[in-house]
Amino acid sequence: MTPTDGLIAGAILFLALFVYILWPEKVIVAQREKTRLDYLEEWKEQLYANLRDLHFEYQAGKYPLEDYEQQRTLLENEAATVLAEIEMLERLEKATS
């Protein structure tokens, strides 16, 4: 095998991989549209994660007590609002089905 043969084989392999990776798919999977309830569930999970992170950072000494309590109160109030809306939407969904 000469150096030119190796170069040609490498170029062919590169082109084959390039075409394989970038070739458009014929079947595009349709993603279901998110509802308001889906967004609220994601938001709720993010708020819970933020509360956990805040508590961890407070325990690590990154926040003074006053700041921690203020941030926690804000996050808890926001979470309560989200939970109330989720509950309302779930009741409406059950009533219509």
N, C-alpha and C. Protein backbone atom coordinates (compact mmCIF):
# COMPACT_ATOMS: atom_id res chain seq x y z
N MET A 1 0.85 -1.17 0.00
CA MET A 1 0.00 0.00 0.00
C MET A 1 0.90 1.23 0.00
N THR A 2 0.66 2.07 -0.93
CA THR A 2 1.46 3.29 -1.04
C THR A 2 0.83 4.39 -0.19
N PRO A 3 1.55 5.43 0.12
CA PRO A 3 0.99 6.54 0.90
C PRO A 3 -0.22 7.17 0.20
N THR A 4 -0.23 7.18 -1.10
CA THR A 4 -1.35 7.75 -1.84
C THR A 4 -2.61 6.91 -1.63
N ASP A 5 -2.47 5.58 -1.59
CA ASP A 5 -3.62 4.70 -1.36
C ASP A 5 -4.24 4.97 0.02
N GLY A 6 -3.40 5.16 1.01
CA GLY A 6 -3.89 5.46 2.35
C GLY A 6 -4.61 6.79 2.40
N LEU A 7 -4.08 7.76 1.67
CA LEU A 7 -4.71 9.08 1.61
C LEU A 7 -6.06 9.00 0.92
N ILE A 8 -6.14 8.24 -0.15
CA ILE A 8 -7.41 8.08 -0.89
C ILE A 8 -8.42 7.35 -0.01
N ALA A 9 -7.99 6.29 0.68
CA ALA A 9 -8.89 5.54 1.56
C ALA A 9 -9.39 6.44 2.70
N GLY A 10 -8.51 7.26 3.24
CA GLY A 10 -8.91 8.19 4.31
C GLY A 10 -9.91 9.22 3.81
N ALA A 11 -9.70 9.73 2.60
CA ALA A 11 -10.62 10.71 2.03
C ALA A 11 -11.98 10.09 1.77
N ILE A 12 -11.99 8.86 1.28
CA ILE A 12 -13.27 8.17 1.03
C ILE A 12 -14.00 7.94 2.34
N LEU A 13 -13.27 7.50 3.35
CA LEU A 13 -13.88 7.28 4.67
C LEU A 13 -14.43 8.59 5.23
N PHE A 14 -13.66 9.66 5.10
CA PHE A 14 -14.10 10.97 5.58
C PHE A 14 -15.38 11.40 4.88
N LEU A 15 -15.44 11.27 3.56
CA LEU A 15 -16.63 11.66 2.81
C LEU A 15 -17.83 10.80 3.20
N ALA A 16 -17.60 9.49 3.36
CA ALA A 16 -18.70 8.60 3.75
C ALA A 16 -19.26 9.01 5.11
N LEU A 17 -18.40 9.28 6.06
CA LEU A 17 -18.85 9.71 7.39
C LEU A 17 -19.54 11.07 7.34
N PHE A 18 -18.99 11.97 6.54
CA PHE A 18 -19.57 13.30 6.38
C PHE A 18 -20.99 13.20 5.84
N VAL A 19 -21.17 12.41 4.80
CA VAL A 19 -22.50 12.24 4.20
C VAL A 19 -23.44 11.55 5.18
N TYR A 20 -22.96 10.53 5.87
CA TYR A 20 -23.79 9.80 6.83
C TYR A 20 -24.28 10.70 7.95
N ILE A 21 -23.41 11.54 8.47
CA ILE A 21 -23.77 12.39 9.59
C ILE A 21 -24.72 13.52 9.17
N LEU A 22 -24.48 14.10 8.02
CA LEU A 22 -25.25 15.27 7.61
C LEU A 22 -26.44 14.97 6.69
N TRP A 23 -26.65 13.71 6.34
CA TRP A 23 -27.77 13.38 5.45
C TRP A 23 -29.09 13.66 6.16
N PRO A 24 -30.00 14.39 5.52
CA PRO A 24 -31.27 14.70 6.20
C PRO A 24 -32.15 13.46 6.34
N GLU A 25 -32.85 13.41 7.46
CA GLU A 25 -33.73 12.27 7.70
C GLU A 25 -35.02 12.44 6.92
N LYS A 26 -35.56 11.33 6.45
CA LYS A 26 -36.80 11.38 5.69
C LYS A 26 -38.01 11.47 6.62
N VAL A 27 -37.88 10.88 7.81
CA VAL A 27 -38.98 10.91 8.76
C VAL A 27 -38.59 11.84 9.90
N ILE A 28 -39.31 12.93 9.98
CA ILE A 28 -39.07 13.88 11.06
C ILE A 28 -40.07 13.58 12.16
N VAL A 29 -39.56 13.31 13.33
CA VAL A 29 -40.43 12.97 14.45
C VAL A 29 -41.12 14.24 14.93
N ALA A 30 -42.42 14.19 14.95
CA ALA A 30 -43.19 15.34 15.41
C ALA A 30 -43.25 15.32 16.93
N GLN A 31 -42.84 16.43 17.51
CA GLN A 31 -42.88 16.53 18.96
C GLN A 31 -44.23 17.08 19.37
N ARG A 32 -44.79 16.49 20.41
CA ARG A 32 -46.09 16.97 20.84
C ARG A 32 -45.95 18.35 21.44
N GLU A 33 -46.97 19.17 21.22
CA GLU A 33 -46.93 20.53 21.71
C GLU A 33 -47.13 20.55 23.21
N LYS A 34 -46.37 21.40 23.87
CA LYS A 34 -46.48 21.50 25.31
C LYS A 34 -47.70 22.32 25.69
N THR A 35 -48.33 21.88 26.74
CA THR A 35 -49.47 22.61 27.27
C THR A 35 -49.00 23.53 28.39
N ARG A 36 -49.88 24.37 28.84
CA ARG A 36 -49.57 25.24 29.98
C ARG A 36 -49.20 24.40 31.20
N LEU A 37 -49.89 23.27 31.37
CA LEU A 37 -49.62 22.38 32.49
C LEU A 37 -48.20 21.81 32.41
N ASP A 38 -47.75 21.47 31.21
CA ASP A 38 -46.38 20.97 31.02
C ASP A 38 -45.35 22.03 31.44
N TYR A 39 -45.59 23.27 31.01
CA TYR A 39 -44.67 24.36 31.37
C TYR A 39 -44.64 24.58 32.89
N LEU A 40 -45.83 24.52 33.49
CA LEU A 40 -45.89 24.73 34.94
C LEU A 40 -45.18 23.61 35.70
N GLU A 41 -45.30 22.38 35.23
CA GLU A 41 -44.60 21.26 35.88
C GLU A 41 -43.09 21.46 35.79
N GLU A 42 -42.60 21.89 34.63
CA GLU A 42 -41.17 22.16 34.48
C GLU A 42 -40.73 23.30 35.39
N TRP A 43 -41.56 24.32 35.47
CA TRP A 43 -41.26 25.47 36.31
C TRP A 43 -41.20 25.06 37.78
N LYS A 44 -42.16 24.22 38.18
CA LYS A 44 -42.19 23.72 39.56
C LYS A 44 -40.91 22.96 39.89
N GLU A 45 -40.51 22.08 38.99
CA GLU A 45 -39.28 21.32 39.23
C GLU A 45 -38.06 22.23 39.33
N GLN A 46 -38.03 23.28 38.50
CA GLN A 46 -36.92 24.23 38.56
C GLN A 46 -36.92 25.00 39.88
N LEU A 47 -38.10 25.39 40.34
CA LEU A 47 -38.19 26.10 41.61
C LEU A 47 -37.73 25.21 42.77
N TYR A 48 -38.13 23.93 42.74
CA TYR A 48 -37.69 23.00 43.79
C TYR A 48 -36.16 22.84 43.76
N ALA A 49 -35.61 22.76 42.57
CA ALA A 49 -34.16 22.64 42.44
C ALA A 49 -33.47 23.90 42.97
N ASN A 50 -34.05 25.06 42.69
CA ASN A 50 -33.49 26.31 43.19
C ASN A 50 -33.54 26.38 44.71
N LEU A 51 -34.65 25.88 45.28
CA LEU A 51 -34.75 25.85 46.74
C LEU A 51 -33.69 24.93 47.35
N ARG A 52 -33.50 23.77 46.73
CA ARG A 52 -32.47 22.84 47.23
C ARG A 52 -31.08 23.47 47.13
N ASP A 53 -30.80 24.11 46.00
CA ASP A 53 -29.50 24.76 45.82
C ASP A 53 -29.30 25.88 46.83
N LEU A 54 -30.34 26.68 47.04
CA LEU A 54 -30.26 27.77 47.99
C LEU A 54 -29.96 27.25 49.39
N HIS A 55 -30.65 26.18 49.79
CA HIS A 55 -30.42 25.59 51.12
C HIS A 55 -29.00 25.06 51.22
N PHE A 56 -28.53 24.40 50.18
CA PHE A 56 -27.16 23.87 50.19
C PHE A 56 -26.14 24.99 50.31
N GLU A 57 -26.33 26.06 49.55
CA GLU A 57 -25.40 27.18 49.58
C GLU A 57 -25.44 27.91 50.92
N TYR A 58 -26.63 27.98 51.53
CA TYR A 58 -26.72 28.58 52.86
C TYR A 58 -25.95 27.73 53.87
N GLN A 59 -26.13 26.41 53.78
CA GLN A 59 -25.42 25.51 54.70
C GLN A 59 -23.91 25.59 54.49
N ALA A 60 -23.49 25.90 53.27
CA ALA A 60 -22.06 26.02 52.97
C ALA A 60 -21.51 27.38 53.41
N GLY A 61 -22.39 28.27 53.90
CA GLY A 61 -21.94 29.56 54.39
C GLY A 61 -21.84 30.65 53.33
N LYS A 62 -22.47 30.44 52.19
CA LYS A 62 -22.39 31.44 51.12
C LYS A 62 -23.42 32.56 51.27
N TYR A 63 -24.45 32.35 52.08
CA TYR A 63 -25.49 33.35 52.29
C TYR A 63 -25.64 33.64 53.78
N PRO A 64 -25.81 34.91 54.14
CA PRO A 64 -26.17 35.21 55.52
C PRO A 64 -27.64 34.83 55.74
N LEU A 65 -28.02 34.63 56.98
CA LEU A 65 -29.36 34.16 57.31
C LEU A 65 -30.45 35.05 56.73
N GLU A 66 -30.27 36.36 56.81
CA GLU A 66 -31.30 37.29 56.32
C GLU A 66 -31.52 37.13 54.81
N ASP A 67 -30.46 37.05 54.05
CA ASP A 67 -30.57 36.86 52.59
C ASP A 67 -31.19 35.51 52.25
N TYR A 68 -30.77 34.49 52.99
CA TYR A 68 -31.30 33.15 52.76
C TYR A 68 -32.81 33.14 52.98
N GLU A 69 -33.26 33.72 54.10
CA GLU A 69 -34.70 33.72 54.39
C GLU A 69 -35.48 34.52 53.36
N GLN A 70 -34.92 35.62 52.92
CA GLN A 70 -35.60 36.44 51.90
C GLN A 70 -35.72 35.67 50.58
N GLN A 71 -34.64 35.08 50.14
CA GLN A 71 -34.66 34.31 48.87
C GLN A 71 -35.59 33.10 49.00
N ARG A 72 -35.52 32.41 50.13
CA ARG A 72 -36.38 31.23 50.35
C ARG A 72 -37.84 31.62 50.30
N THR A 73 -38.19 32.74 50.94
CA THR A 73 -39.57 33.21 50.95
C THR A 73 -40.04 33.52 49.53
N LEU A 74 -39.21 34.20 48.75
CA LEU A 74 -39.58 34.51 47.37
C LEU A 74 -39.81 33.23 46.55
N LEU A 75 -38.89 32.27 46.68
CA LEU A 75 -39.03 31.02 45.93
C LEU A 75 -40.24 30.22 46.39
N GLU A 76 -40.48 30.19 47.69
CA GLU A 76 -41.64 29.45 48.21
C GLU A 76 -42.95 30.09 47.75
N ASN A 77 -43.01 31.42 47.75
CA ASN A 77 -44.23 32.10 47.26
C ASN A 77 -44.47 31.81 45.78
N GLU A 78 -43.41 31.85 45.02
CA GLU A 78 -43.54 31.55 43.59
C GLU A 78 -43.97 30.10 43.37
N ALA A 79 -43.40 29.19 44.15
CA ALA A 79 -43.78 27.78 44.04
C ALA A 79 -45.24 27.59 44.43
N ALA A 80 -45.71 28.30 45.46
CA ALA A 80 -47.11 28.18 45.87
C ALA A 80 -48.04 28.67 44.76
N THR A 81 -47.66 29.73 44.08
CA THR A 81 -48.46 30.24 42.96
C THR A 81 -48.52 29.22 41.83
N VAL A 82 -47.38 28.63 41.52
CA VAL A 82 -47.32 27.62 40.45
C VAL A 82 -48.16 26.40 40.83
N LEU A 83 -48.02 25.94 42.07
CA LEU A 83 -48.79 24.78 42.51
C LEU A 83 -50.29 25.04 42.48
N ALA A 84 -50.71 26.25 42.85
CA ALA A 84 -52.13 26.60 42.80
C ALA A 84 -52.64 26.58 41.37
N GLU A 85 -51.85 27.10 40.44
CA GLU A 85 -52.29 27.09 39.03
C GLU A 85 -52.32 25.67 38.48
N ILE A 86 -51.34 24.85 38.86
CA ILE A 86 -51.34 23.45 38.42
C ILE A 86 -52.60 22.75 38.92
N GLU A 87 -52.91 22.95 40.19
CA GLU A 87 -54.10 22.32 40.77
C GLU A 87 -55.37 22.77 40.05
N MET A 88 -55.46 24.07 39.75
CA MET A 88 -56.63 24.61 39.05
C MET A 88 -56.75 23.99 37.66
N LEU A 89 -55.64 23.91 36.93
CA LEU A 89 -55.68 23.34 35.58
C LEU A 89 -56.02 21.85 35.61
N GLU A 90 -55.51 21.14 36.59
CA GLU A 90 -55.84 19.71 36.71
C GLU A 90 -57.32 19.50 37.01
N ARG A 91 -57.90 20.37 37.87
CA ARG A 91 -59.33 20.27 38.15
C ARG A 91 -60.14 20.56 36.90
N LEU A 92 -59.73 21.59 36.14
CA LEU A 92 -60.44 21.91 34.90
C LEU A 92 -60.33 20.78 33.89
N GLU A 93 -59.17 20.16 33.83
CA GLU A 93 -58.97 19.06 32.91
C GLU A 93 -59.86 17.87 33.26
N LYS A 94 -59.97 17.58 34.55
CA LYS A 94 -60.83 16.47 35.00
C LYS A 94 -62.29 16.78 34.76
N ALA A 95 -62.68 18.04 34.94
CA ALA A 95 -64.07 18.42 34.74
C ALA A 95 -64.48 18.35 33.28
N THR A 96 -63.57 18.61 32.37
CA THR A 96 -63.91 18.58 30.95
C THR A 96 -63.78 17.19 30.33
N SER A 97 -63.14 16.27 31.03
CA SER A 97 -63.01 14.93 30.44
C SER A 97 -63.99 13.94 31.01
